[in-house]
């Protein structure tokens, strides 16, 4: 949702727009998206998709909160432990270096379950900062963390409450320069 909406915003003729405070309209320069296809590939290669498929068929998972919480943590652990495809990491690092240099980047959740007519989903997923060549704030860690956040307990419960089909949920990631002094997360 965020990635697609940013693409639409970037089509706006900024010479015709003004912010409420009188400044010019601006969007994050150089932003790009990591499509959902890479999340789906990671789910399959990590074994997380097989686990998810079995959980969604498991009656105990749907009726036992403690078990659901434990199994969602296991699902997230699979996503977090499995290395991101090396070719994808190389491509993201190349794009990020060309667009942001050494500036900190923000990896923002962009699920297909945000901003739906019948379900908002705002604030359910993680966004994380990353820096090139930083082991503690790596691109890989940021990407896996955003992907795994799709399966936190709160997000799962909110989607269940709204009767969102869990088997159809997926995550893209919007990447843009970090704005540490922003007034709101976004």
N, C-alpha and C. Protein backbone atom coordinates (compact mmCIF):
# COMPACT_ATOMS: atom_id res chain seq x y z
N UNK A 1 0.81 -1.19 0.00
CA UNK A 1 0.00 0.00 0.00
C UNK A 1 0.86 1.26 0.00
N UNK A 2 1.81 1.35 0.94
CA UNK A 2 2.64 2.56 1.01
C UNK A 2 3.44 2.76 -0.28
N UNK A 3 4.03 1.68 -0.77
CA UNK A 3 4.85 1.77 -1.97
C UNK A 3 4.02 2.21 -3.17
N UNK A 4 2.84 1.63 -3.34
CA UNK A 4 1.98 2.00 -4.46
C UNK A 4 1.50 3.44 -4.32
N UNK A 5 1.18 3.84 -3.10
CA UNK A 5 0.70 5.22 -2.89
C UNK A 5 1.81 6.23 -3.13
N UNK A 6 3.04 5.90 -2.72
CA UNK A 6 4.15 6.81 -3.00
C UNK A 6 4.35 6.96 -4.50
N UNK A 7 4.23 5.86 -5.25
CA UNK A 7 4.35 5.93 -6.71
C UNK A 7 3.31 6.89 -7.29
N UNK A 8 2.11 6.87 -6.75
CA UNK A 8 1.06 7.80 -7.21
C UNK A 8 1.40 9.24 -6.84
N UNK A 9 1.90 9.44 -5.62
CA UNK A 9 2.26 10.79 -5.19
C UNK A 9 3.36 11.37 -6.07
N UNK A 10 4.29 10.52 -6.48
CA UNK A 10 5.40 10.99 -7.31
C UNK A 10 4.94 11.46 -8.69
N UNK A 11 3.71 11.12 -9.08
CA UNK A 11 3.15 11.58 -10.35
C UNK A 11 2.54 12.98 -10.24
N UNK A 12 2.39 13.48 -9.01
CA UNK A 12 1.76 14.79 -8.78
C UNK A 12 2.67 15.89 -9.31
N UNK A 13 2.09 16.84 -9.98
CA UNK A 13 2.83 18.02 -10.45
C UNK A 13 3.05 18.93 -9.24
N UNK A 14 4.26 18.86 -8.67
CA UNK A 14 4.54 19.60 -7.43
C UNK A 14 4.52 21.11 -7.62
N UNK A 15 4.58 21.60 -8.85
CA UNK A 15 4.50 23.04 -9.05
C UNK A 15 3.10 23.57 -8.74
N UNK A 16 2.13 22.67 -8.67
CA UNK A 16 0.74 23.07 -8.38
C UNK A 16 0.35 22.85 -6.93
N UNK A 17 1.28 22.37 -6.11
CA UNK A 17 0.93 22.02 -4.73
C UNK A 17 1.68 22.85 -3.72
N UNK A 18 1.08 23.01 -2.56
CA UNK A 18 1.69 23.71 -1.43
C UNK A 18 1.32 22.96 -0.16
N UNK A 19 2.22 22.90 0.79
CA UNK A 19 1.90 22.33 2.10
C UNK A 19 1.14 23.37 2.91
N UNK A 20 0.46 22.95 3.94
CA UNK A 20 -0.34 23.85 4.78
C UNK A 20 0.51 24.96 5.38
N UNK A 21 1.76 24.68 5.65
CA UNK A 21 2.65 25.68 6.27
C UNK A 21 3.29 26.61 5.23
N UNK A 22 2.88 26.49 3.99
CA UNK A 22 3.37 27.38 2.96
C UNK A 22 4.58 26.85 2.20
N UNK A 23 5.17 25.76 2.63
CA UNK A 23 6.31 25.19 1.94
C UNK A 23 5.87 24.39 0.73
N UNK A 24 6.82 24.01 -0.07
CA UNK A 24 6.51 23.21 -1.24
C UNK A 24 6.23 21.78 -0.84
N UNK A 25 5.40 21.14 -1.60
CA UNK A 25 5.09 19.72 -1.41
C UNK A 25 6.35 18.92 -1.72
N UNK A 26 6.65 17.94 -0.89
CA UNK A 26 7.85 17.14 -1.14
C UNK A 26 7.57 15.67 -0.82
N UNK A 27 8.21 14.80 -1.55
CA UNK A 27 8.15 13.36 -1.30
C UNK A 27 9.59 12.87 -1.14
N UNK A 28 9.77 11.76 -0.45
CA UNK A 28 11.14 11.25 -0.27
C UNK A 28 11.82 10.97 -1.61
N UNK A 29 12.93 11.62 -1.84
CA UNK A 29 13.65 11.44 -3.11
C UNK A 29 14.34 10.08 -3.12
N UNK A 30 14.34 9.46 -4.28
CA UNK A 30 15.07 8.21 -4.46
C UNK A 30 14.40 6.98 -3.88
N UNK A 31 13.20 7.11 -3.36
CA UNK A 31 12.53 5.96 -2.74
C UNK A 31 12.32 4.84 -3.76
N UNK A 32 12.33 3.62 -3.26
CA UNK A 32 12.04 2.47 -4.12
C UNK A 32 11.38 1.38 -3.27
N UNK A 33 10.79 0.41 -3.94
CA UNK A 33 10.09 -0.67 -3.23
C UNK A 33 10.76 -2.01 -3.50
N UNK A 34 10.69 -2.87 -2.50
CA UNK A 34 11.06 -4.27 -2.64
C UNK A 34 9.74 -5.01 -2.78
N UNK A 35 9.44 -5.52 -3.97
CA UNK A 35 8.13 -6.12 -4.23
C UNK A 35 7.83 -7.35 -3.36
N UNK A 36 6.54 -7.63 -3.22
CA UNK A 36 6.06 -8.77 -2.44
C UNK A 36 6.61 -10.10 -2.92
N UNK A 37 6.94 -10.19 -4.19
CA UNK A 37 7.46 -11.46 -4.74
C UNK A 37 8.68 -11.93 -3.96
N UNK A 38 9.51 -11.00 -3.48
CA UNK A 38 10.71 -11.38 -2.73
C UNK A 38 10.35 -11.89 -1.34
N UNK A 39 9.33 -11.28 -0.72
CA UNK A 39 8.81 -11.79 0.55
C UNK A 39 8.29 -13.22 0.37
N UNK A 40 7.50 -13.44 -0.67
CA UNK A 40 6.93 -14.77 -0.92
C UNK A 40 8.03 -15.80 -1.16
N UNK A 41 9.06 -15.41 -1.90
CA UNK A 41 10.21 -16.31 -2.13
C UNK A 41 10.90 -16.64 -0.81
N UNK A 42 11.08 -15.64 0.05
CA UNK A 42 11.73 -15.85 1.35
C UNK A 42 10.88 -16.76 2.23
N UNK A 43 9.58 -16.59 2.18
CA UNK A 43 8.68 -17.45 2.96
C UNK A 43 8.84 -18.91 2.55
N UNK A 44 8.92 -19.14 1.24
CA UNK A 44 9.07 -20.52 0.75
C UNK A 44 10.44 -21.09 1.11
N UNK A 45 11.49 -20.35 0.84
CA UNK A 45 12.85 -20.88 1.04
C UNK A 45 13.21 -21.04 2.52
N UNK A 46 12.57 -20.29 3.39
CA UNK A 46 12.86 -20.38 4.83
C UNK A 46 12.07 -21.48 5.52
N UNK A 47 11.08 -22.02 4.82
CA UNK A 47 10.19 -23.00 5.45
C UNK A 47 9.04 -22.35 6.19
N UNK A 48 9.02 -21.03 6.25
CA UNK A 48 7.95 -20.33 6.95
C UNK A 48 6.60 -20.53 6.27
N UNK A 49 6.58 -20.63 4.95
CA UNK A 49 5.31 -20.80 4.24
C UNK A 49 4.68 -22.15 4.58
N UNK A 50 5.50 -23.19 4.64
CA UNK A 50 4.99 -24.52 5.01
C UNK A 50 4.42 -24.49 6.42
N UNK A 51 5.12 -23.85 7.35
CA UNK A 51 4.63 -23.73 8.72
C UNK A 51 3.33 -22.94 8.75
N UNK A 52 3.28 -21.81 8.05
CA UNK A 52 2.07 -20.99 8.03
C UNK A 52 0.88 -21.77 7.47
N UNK A 53 1.10 -22.48 6.38
CA UNK A 53 0.02 -23.26 5.77
C UNK A 53 -0.54 -24.28 6.77
N UNK A 54 0.34 -24.93 7.51
CA UNK A 54 -0.14 -25.92 8.49
C UNK A 54 -0.85 -25.25 9.66
N UNK A 55 -0.34 -24.09 10.09
CA UNK A 55 -0.98 -23.38 11.21
C UNK A 55 -2.40 -22.92 10.84
N UNK A 56 -2.57 -22.44 9.64
CA UNK A 56 -3.88 -21.93 9.24
C UNK A 56 -4.92 -23.05 9.15
N UNK A 57 -4.47 -24.31 9.08
CA UNK A 57 -5.38 -25.46 9.06
C UNK A 57 -5.55 -26.09 10.44
N UNK A 58 -4.78 -25.61 11.41
CA UNK A 58 -4.74 -26.20 12.75
C UNK A 58 -5.79 -25.54 13.66
N UNK A 59 -6.78 -26.31 14.10
CA UNK A 59 -7.84 -25.77 14.95
C UNK A 59 -7.29 -25.23 16.26
N UNK A 60 -6.30 -25.91 16.83
CA UNK A 60 -5.71 -25.42 18.09
C UNK A 60 -5.12 -24.03 17.90
N UNK A 61 -4.48 -23.80 16.77
CA UNK A 61 -3.91 -22.48 16.48
C UNK A 61 -4.99 -21.40 16.52
N UNK A 62 -6.16 -21.71 16.05
CA UNK A 62 -7.25 -20.73 16.00
C UNK A 62 -7.99 -20.58 17.33
N UNK A 63 -7.88 -21.55 18.22
CA UNK A 63 -8.66 -21.50 19.45
C UNK A 63 -7.84 -21.30 20.73
N UNK A 64 -6.54 -21.51 20.67
CA UNK A 64 -5.68 -21.45 21.87
C UNK A 64 -4.71 -20.27 21.72
N UNK A 65 -4.99 -19.19 22.45
CA UNK A 65 -4.20 -17.97 22.33
C UNK A 65 -2.72 -18.19 22.66
N UNK A 66 -2.43 -18.89 23.73
CA UNK A 66 -1.03 -19.13 24.12
C UNK A 66 -0.29 -19.91 23.03
N UNK A 67 -0.95 -20.91 22.47
CA UNK A 67 -0.35 -21.70 21.39
C UNK A 67 -0.16 -20.83 20.14
N UNK A 68 -1.16 -20.03 19.81
CA UNK A 68 -1.08 -19.14 18.64
C UNK A 68 0.10 -18.17 18.79
N UNK A 69 0.22 -17.60 19.98
CA UNK A 69 1.32 -16.66 20.26
C UNK A 69 2.67 -17.35 20.07
N UNK A 70 2.80 -18.55 20.60
CA UNK A 70 4.04 -19.32 20.49
C UNK A 70 4.35 -19.67 19.03
N UNK A 71 3.34 -20.11 18.31
CA UNK A 71 3.56 -20.53 16.92
C UNK A 71 3.85 -19.33 16.01
N UNK A 72 3.21 -18.19 16.27
CA UNK A 72 3.54 -17.00 15.48
C UNK A 72 4.98 -16.57 15.74
N UNK A 73 5.43 -16.70 16.99
CA UNK A 73 6.84 -16.39 17.30
C UNK A 73 7.77 -17.35 16.56
N UNK A 74 7.38 -18.62 16.45
CA UNK A 74 8.18 -19.59 15.70
C UNK A 74 8.22 -19.24 14.21
N UNK A 75 7.09 -18.81 13.70
CA UNK A 75 7.00 -18.39 12.29
C UNK A 75 7.92 -17.20 12.04
N UNK A 76 7.85 -16.22 12.93
CA UNK A 76 8.72 -15.04 12.79
C UNK A 76 10.19 -15.44 12.90
N UNK A 77 10.51 -16.37 13.78
CA UNK A 77 11.90 -16.82 13.95
C UNK A 77 12.43 -17.44 12.67
N UNK A 78 11.61 -18.21 11.98
CA UNK A 78 12.03 -18.79 10.69
C UNK A 78 12.36 -17.69 9.68
N UNK A 79 11.50 -16.68 9.62
CA UNK A 79 11.72 -15.57 8.69
C UNK A 79 12.99 -14.82 9.04
N UNK A 80 13.20 -14.57 10.32
CA UNK A 80 14.36 -13.81 10.78
C UNK A 80 15.67 -14.58 10.66
N UNK A 81 15.63 -15.89 10.81
CA UNK A 81 16.86 -16.69 10.80
C UNK A 81 17.38 -17.00 9.40
N UNK A 82 16.48 -17.03 8.43
CA UNK A 82 16.88 -17.43 7.08
C UNK A 82 17.53 -16.26 6.34
N UNK A 83 18.69 -16.49 5.71
CA UNK A 83 19.35 -15.40 4.98
C UNK A 83 18.52 -14.93 3.78
N UNK A 84 18.56 -13.65 3.55
CA UNK A 84 17.91 -13.06 2.38
C UNK A 84 18.72 -13.44 1.15
N UNK A 85 18.04 -13.68 0.05
CA UNK A 85 18.68 -14.01 -1.21
C UNK A 85 19.82 -13.03 -1.51
N UNK A 86 21.00 -13.56 -1.77
CA UNK A 86 22.20 -12.74 -1.97
C UNK A 86 22.06 -11.78 -3.15
N UNK A 87 21.45 -12.23 -4.23
CA UNK A 87 21.27 -11.35 -5.41
C UNK A 87 20.36 -10.18 -5.07
N UNK A 88 19.31 -10.44 -4.29
CA UNK A 88 18.40 -9.37 -3.87
C UNK A 88 19.13 -8.36 -2.99
N UNK A 89 19.92 -8.85 -2.04
CA UNK A 89 20.67 -7.94 -1.17
C UNK A 89 21.64 -7.08 -1.96
N UNK A 90 22.31 -7.68 -2.93
CA UNK A 90 23.23 -6.92 -3.77
C UNK A 90 22.49 -5.82 -4.52
N UNK A 91 21.33 -6.16 -5.07
CA UNK A 91 20.54 -5.18 -5.81
C UNK A 91 20.05 -4.05 -4.90
N UNK A 92 19.55 -4.38 -3.73
CA UNK A 92 19.08 -3.35 -2.79
C UNK A 92 20.24 -2.45 -2.39
N UNK A 93 21.38 -3.05 -2.05
CA UNK A 93 22.55 -2.26 -1.64
C UNK A 93 23.02 -1.34 -2.76
N UNK A 94 22.99 -1.83 -4.01
CA UNK A 94 23.39 -1.02 -5.16
C UNK A 94 22.43 0.16 -5.33
N UNK A 95 21.14 -0.11 -5.28
CA UNK A 95 20.14 0.96 -5.43
C UNK A 95 20.27 1.96 -4.29
N UNK A 96 20.42 1.46 -3.06
CA UNK A 96 20.50 2.35 -1.90
C UNK A 96 21.74 3.23 -1.96
N UNK A 97 22.86 2.65 -2.33
CA UNK A 97 24.10 3.44 -2.41
C UNK A 97 23.97 4.55 -3.45
N UNK A 98 23.38 4.22 -4.60
CA UNK A 98 23.21 5.21 -5.67
C UNK A 98 22.25 6.32 -5.26
N UNK A 99 21.24 5.99 -4.46
CA UNK A 99 20.20 6.96 -4.11
C UNK A 99 20.49 7.74 -2.83
N UNK A 100 21.09 7.04 -1.83
CA UNK A 100 21.22 7.66 -0.51
C UNK A 100 22.65 7.80 -0.03
N UNK A 101 23.61 7.23 -0.75
CA UNK A 101 25.00 7.29 -0.29
C UNK A 101 25.14 6.63 1.07
N UNK A 102 25.69 7.33 2.01
CA UNK A 102 25.89 6.77 3.35
C UNK A 102 24.77 7.17 4.32
N UNK A 103 23.72 7.81 3.82
CA UNK A 103 22.61 8.22 4.69
C UNK A 103 21.84 7.00 5.19
N UNK A 104 21.30 7.13 6.38
CA UNK A 104 20.47 6.06 6.94
C UNK A 104 19.19 5.93 6.13
N UNK A 105 18.77 4.69 5.94
CA UNK A 105 17.54 4.42 5.19
C UNK A 105 16.47 3.94 6.14
N UNK A 106 15.24 4.08 5.71
CA UNK A 106 14.09 3.57 6.47
C UNK A 106 13.43 2.49 5.64
N UNK A 107 13.29 1.30 6.21
CA UNK A 107 12.59 0.19 5.59
C UNK A 107 11.20 0.15 6.20
N UNK A 108 10.19 0.46 5.39
CA UNK A 108 8.83 0.62 5.90
C UNK A 108 7.92 -0.47 5.36
N UNK A 109 7.10 -0.98 6.26
CA UNK A 109 6.15 -2.02 5.87
C UNK A 109 5.21 -1.49 4.81
N UNK A 110 4.87 -2.35 3.88
CA UNK A 110 3.92 -2.00 2.83
C UNK A 110 3.15 -3.26 2.47
N UNK A 111 2.27 -3.67 3.39
CA UNK A 111 1.53 -4.92 3.18
C UNK A 111 0.33 -4.71 2.26
N UNK A 112 -0.20 -5.82 1.80
CA UNK A 112 -1.42 -5.75 0.99
C UNK A 112 -2.65 -5.71 1.89
N UNK A 113 -2.44 -5.58 3.20
CA UNK A 113 -3.55 -5.47 4.14
C UNK A 113 -3.49 -4.14 4.89
N UNK A 114 -3.05 -3.12 4.22
CA UNK A 114 -3.08 -1.77 4.78
C UNK A 114 -3.95 -0.92 3.85
N UNK A 115 -4.73 -0.09 4.44
CA UNK A 115 -5.56 0.86 3.69
C UNK A 115 -6.59 0.18 2.79
N UNK A 116 -7.14 -0.93 3.27
CA UNK A 116 -8.25 -1.57 2.56
C UNK A 116 -9.54 -0.83 2.93
N UNK A 117 -10.55 -0.95 2.11
CA UNK A 117 -11.82 -0.28 2.40
C UNK A 117 -12.40 -0.74 3.74
N UNK A 118 -12.24 -2.03 4.06
CA UNK A 118 -12.84 -2.57 5.28
C UNK A 118 -11.82 -2.83 6.39
N UNK A 119 -10.54 -2.51 6.17
CA UNK A 119 -9.51 -2.76 7.17
C UNK A 119 -8.35 -1.81 6.95
N UNK A 120 -7.96 -1.08 8.00
CA UNK A 120 -6.89 -0.09 7.86
C UNK A 120 -5.51 -0.71 8.02
N UNK A 121 -5.25 -1.37 9.13
CA UNK A 121 -3.95 -2.01 9.36
C UNK A 121 -2.83 -1.07 9.73
N UNK A 122 -3.10 0.22 9.87
CA UNK A 122 -2.04 1.18 10.19
C UNK A 122 -1.43 0.88 11.56
N UNK A 123 -0.12 0.93 11.63
CA UNK A 123 0.59 0.77 12.89
C UNK A 123 0.78 -0.66 13.36
N UNK A 124 0.36 -1.63 12.57
CA UNK A 124 0.47 -3.03 13.00
C UNK A 124 1.84 -3.64 12.74
N UNK A 125 2.58 -3.08 11.81
CA UNK A 125 3.81 -3.71 11.35
C UNK A 125 5.01 -2.84 11.69
N UNK A 126 6.19 -3.43 11.64
CA UNK A 126 7.43 -2.73 11.98
C UNK A 126 8.02 -1.99 10.80
N UNK A 127 8.66 -0.88 11.09
CA UNK A 127 9.54 -0.19 10.16
C UNK A 127 10.88 -0.10 10.86
N UNK A 128 11.96 -0.18 10.11
CA UNK A 128 13.28 -0.22 10.72
C UNK A 128 14.27 0.59 9.90
N UNK A 129 15.21 1.21 10.57
CA UNK A 129 16.27 1.94 9.89
C UNK A 129 17.43 1.00 9.58
N UNK A 130 18.18 1.34 8.55
CA UNK A 130 19.35 0.54 8.17
C UNK A 130 20.42 1.45 7.58
N UNK A 131 21.65 0.98 7.67
CA UNK A 131 22.78 1.69 7.09
C UNK A 131 23.59 0.70 6.27
N UNK A 132 24.10 1.15 5.15
CA UNK A 132 24.99 0.30 4.36
C UNK A 132 26.24 -0.02 5.16
N UNK A 133 26.72 -1.22 5.05
CA UNK A 133 27.95 -1.66 5.71
C UNK A 133 27.89 -1.57 7.24
N UNK A 134 26.69 -1.71 7.82
CA UNK A 134 26.56 -1.71 9.27
C UNK A 134 26.03 -3.07 9.73
N UNK A 135 26.83 -3.84 10.45
CA UNK A 135 26.35 -5.15 10.90
C UNK A 135 25.20 -5.05 11.90
N UNK A 136 25.16 -3.98 12.69
CA UNK A 136 24.10 -3.83 13.70
C UNK A 136 22.80 -3.27 13.12
N UNK A 137 22.90 -2.55 12.03
CA UNK A 137 21.71 -1.96 11.39
C UNK A 137 21.73 -2.30 9.90
N UNK A 138 21.87 -3.57 9.60
CA UNK A 138 22.06 -3.99 8.21
C UNK A 138 20.76 -3.95 7.41
N UNK A 139 20.93 -3.86 6.11
CA UNK A 139 19.82 -3.93 5.17
C UNK A 139 19.11 -5.27 5.33
N UNK A 140 19.87 -6.35 5.47
CA UNK A 140 19.27 -7.68 5.59
C UNK A 140 18.40 -7.78 6.85
N UNK A 141 18.91 -7.29 7.97
CA UNK A 141 18.14 -7.34 9.21
C UNK A 141 16.87 -6.50 9.10
N UNK A 142 16.99 -5.33 8.52
CA UNK A 142 15.80 -4.47 8.36
C UNK A 142 14.75 -5.15 7.50
N UNK A 143 15.17 -5.72 6.40
CA UNK A 143 14.25 -6.38 5.49
C UNK A 143 13.55 -7.57 6.16
N UNK A 144 14.32 -8.43 6.80
CA UNK A 144 13.73 -9.60 7.47
C UNK A 144 12.82 -9.18 8.62
N UNK A 145 13.18 -8.13 9.35
CA UNK A 145 12.35 -7.67 10.47
C UNK A 145 11.01 -7.15 9.98
N UNK A 146 11.02 -6.37 8.91
CA UNK A 146 9.75 -5.87 8.36
C UNK A 146 8.91 -7.05 7.87
N UNK A 147 9.52 -7.98 7.15
CA UNK A 147 8.78 -9.15 6.67
C UNK A 147 8.18 -9.93 7.84
N UNK A 148 8.97 -10.18 8.88
CA UNK A 148 8.50 -10.97 10.02
C UNK A 148 7.40 -10.25 10.79
N UNK A 149 7.41 -8.94 10.77
CA UNK A 149 6.40 -8.19 11.54
C UNK A 149 4.98 -8.42 11.03
N UNK A 150 4.85 -8.94 9.82
CA UNK A 150 3.54 -9.27 9.28
C UNK A 150 2.84 -10.30 10.15
N UNK A 151 3.63 -11.08 10.90
CA UNK A 151 3.08 -12.18 11.68
C UNK A 151 3.20 -11.96 13.18
N UNK A 152 3.24 -10.70 13.62
CA UNK A 152 3.19 -10.48 15.06
C UNK A 152 1.76 -10.75 15.54
N UNK A 153 1.62 -11.07 16.80
CA UNK A 153 0.32 -11.47 17.34
C UNK A 153 -0.74 -10.40 17.15
N UNK A 154 -0.40 -9.17 17.44
CA UNK A 154 -1.37 -8.07 17.32
C UNK A 154 -1.89 -7.94 15.90
N UNK A 155 -1.00 -8.02 14.92
CA UNK A 155 -1.40 -7.90 13.52
C UNK A 155 -2.30 -9.07 13.13
N UNK A 156 -1.90 -10.28 13.51
CA UNK A 156 -2.71 -11.46 13.19
C UNK A 156 -4.11 -11.32 13.79
N UNK A 157 -4.17 -10.94 15.05
CA UNK A 157 -5.46 -10.81 15.74
C UNK A 157 -6.33 -9.75 15.09
N UNK A 158 -5.75 -8.62 14.75
CA UNK A 158 -6.52 -7.55 14.10
C UNK A 158 -7.07 -8.00 12.75
N UNK A 159 -6.25 -8.70 11.98
CA UNK A 159 -6.72 -9.21 10.69
C UNK A 159 -7.83 -10.25 10.88
N UNK A 160 -7.67 -11.12 11.87
CA UNK A 160 -8.71 -12.12 12.15
C UNK A 160 -10.02 -11.43 12.50
N UNK A 161 -9.92 -10.42 13.36
CA UNK A 161 -11.11 -9.66 13.77
C UNK A 161 -11.83 -9.04 12.58
N UNK A 162 -11.05 -8.60 11.61
CA UNK A 162 -11.62 -7.96 10.41
C UNK A 162 -11.94 -8.98 9.32
N UNK A 163 -11.73 -10.26 9.62
CA UNK A 163 -12.00 -11.36 8.68
C UNK A 163 -11.19 -11.24 7.39
N UNK A 164 -9.94 -10.81 7.55
CA UNK A 164 -9.00 -10.78 6.43
C UNK A 164 -8.51 -12.20 6.22
N UNK A 165 -8.45 -12.64 4.98
CA UNK A 165 -7.97 -13.99 4.66
C UNK A 165 -6.46 -14.05 4.87
N UNK A 166 -6.03 -14.69 5.97
CA UNK A 166 -4.61 -14.71 6.37
C UNK A 166 -3.71 -15.33 5.31
N UNK A 167 -4.22 -16.29 4.55
CA UNK A 167 -3.38 -16.95 3.55
C UNK A 167 -3.04 -16.04 2.38
N UNK A 168 -3.71 -14.91 2.28
CA UNK A 168 -3.48 -13.97 1.18
C UNK A 168 -2.64 -12.77 1.57
N UNK A 169 -2.19 -12.72 2.82
CA UNK A 169 -1.43 -11.59 3.34
C UNK A 169 0.02 -11.66 2.85
N UNK A 170 0.56 -10.53 2.43
CA UNK A 170 1.96 -10.48 1.97
C UNK A 170 2.55 -9.10 2.26
N UNK A 171 3.87 -9.01 2.20
CA UNK A 171 4.55 -7.77 2.57
C UNK A 171 5.55 -7.33 1.51
N UNK A 172 5.37 -6.12 1.04
CA UNK A 172 6.40 -5.42 0.26
C UNK A 172 7.11 -4.49 1.25
N UNK A 173 8.17 -3.84 0.81
CA UNK A 173 8.89 -2.92 1.68
C UNK A 173 9.20 -1.66 0.89
N UNK A 174 8.86 -0.53 1.47
CA UNK A 174 9.20 0.77 0.89
C UNK A 174 10.51 1.22 1.53
N UNK A 175 11.47 1.62 0.70
CA UNK A 175 12.77 2.06 1.20
C UNK A 175 12.96 3.52 0.80
N UNK A 176 13.24 4.35 1.79
CA UNK A 176 13.55 5.75 1.51
C UNK A 176 14.56 6.26 2.52
N UNK A 177 15.09 7.43 2.26
CA UNK A 177 16.04 8.05 3.18
C UNK A 177 15.34 8.25 4.53
N UNK A 178 16.07 8.06 5.59
CA UNK A 178 15.52 8.27 6.93
C UNK A 178 15.44 9.76 7.22
N UNK A 179 14.40 10.14 7.94
CA UNK A 179 14.20 11.52 8.36
C UNK A 179 14.12 11.53 9.88
N UNK A 180 15.26 11.59 10.57
CA UNK A 180 15.27 11.47 12.03
C UNK A 180 14.49 12.56 12.76
N UNK A 181 14.33 13.71 12.13
CA UNK A 181 13.64 14.82 12.80
C UNK A 181 12.18 14.96 12.37
N UNK A 182 11.63 13.93 11.72
CA UNK A 182 10.26 14.05 11.24
C UNK A 182 9.30 14.15 12.43
N UNK A 183 8.18 14.85 12.19
CA UNK A 183 7.19 15.04 13.26
C UNK A 183 6.29 13.82 13.41
N UNK A 184 6.21 12.99 12.40
CA UNK A 184 5.40 11.76 12.45
C UNK A 184 6.16 10.67 11.73
N UNK A 185 5.85 9.42 12.05
CA UNK A 185 6.53 8.29 11.41
C UNK A 185 5.98 8.13 10.01
N UNK A 186 6.56 8.79 9.04
CA UNK A 186 6.08 8.67 7.69
C UNK A 186 6.32 9.85 6.86
